[in-house]
Amino acid sequence: MAQLRIENLTKRFSGQIVTRDVSLVVDDGAFCVFVGPSGCGKSTLLRLIAGLESADSGRIFVDGRDVTDAPAYDRDLAMVFQTYALYPHMSVRDNIAFALRTAKRPEPEVAAKVAEAARILQLEPWLDRKPATLSGGQRQRVAIGRAIVKAPKLFLFDEPLSNLDADLRVHMRVEIARLHKNLGATIIYVTHDQVEAMTLATKIVVLRDGRIEQMGSPLQLYDDPDTVFVAGFIGSPKMNFLTARLQGGYLMLSECDGQKIRCPEPGLALAEGAGVTVGLRPQVLGRTGDQSLEVTVEIVEHFGSDSLVHARPAGSARLLTALVDNGRELAPGQKLEARFRTEDLLFFDQAGQRIR
């Protein structure tokens, strides 16, 4: 396996900048996920690493070797695509073995590596079948097996689960996490799904408009986001946001009929009258806490042990969401005090930057 280092990488298409001065280090054995909305540059960044696109400026190093100008076949990488890219006329065995046979490896070596990949991915029963007879999850495992036998320095995954249904996505997340644990591989993984990012990654890189917005471990980004964008993107259900102004030690909520929140001690680093965005995760909005908002329940979604409550503060045009335990007694039209702790609040300035 290997370390990946990127220095000041920029890519333009038709004059439009797609990745902007990106620099990062992915340690040997890490599972690094590039995540962000459509058009943020995450797939382009992966293709630059793979050698499928050429950079306009910047450098790419794999295990200390500068591969910026190296062709894709000479970078010692393996890529798993969203669309599987299997040969339909070949068996599973031959699909997995294809790259090794193209490299003219000895047949005993090919057979041994295919057998080992099939064992790891539990594909033994299907080795002589064609891809058309397999489920989506099985075909994705074949594509992963084709990457495993190459024993690359880096595994690159380009939204590999996006074509699968919900149950298969959960199953394949577990499979890929288990694969990373067993192989100790360095994996670069692209997705727009923050749940995949949170459950798989040891390191998340959040991209926005071609730039790195923030990077860190999943829990670092969840607990300590640097910007409104990261706070709203990482976490499910999404964070609630309220606009307010600082007045006399209180945050006056401009959309909530004069309701207010006490400022944390020793207070925010803001001038009197300054605007602020208040962030509050649905998981901390409920029945306990030293502060509260008066809300009216509009919709309750029951998940069994948990309920997702959508409620409207008085005078507000937007709904707040709260994830509560056993909310079966809640009903639309019910008025509540939604309670929370002051220490659970996050604050952002008008430019969207975190106030700490």
Foldseek 3Di string as FASTA:
>chain_A
DWKKWWAQFWADDPNATQAGGETDIFGQLFAEEEAEDPSLNQVVVLCQQQQVDATPDIFMDIRNHTCRPPHNVPNQEAEQEQVLPFDQVAFLLCRLLVVVVVVVHDPVLSVVLSVVLCVLLVNVVRRGPGPVVDDLLSSSSSSVSSRVSSVGQEYEYEQNCPVDDPVSSVVVLVSVQSVSVVVSHHYYYYDHQLVSVLSRGQKYFYGGSNYGLDMHGLVCLQQPPFFPRSQQRHDPPGKDKFKFFAAPQWTQGPQAVRDIHGADPPGFPDDHGFMKMKIAHQAFWADDEDAWFKWFWADWADPDQWIWTWTGHHRHPGTDIHIDGPPPVDDGGDIDITHGYNVRMWMAHPVGGTTD
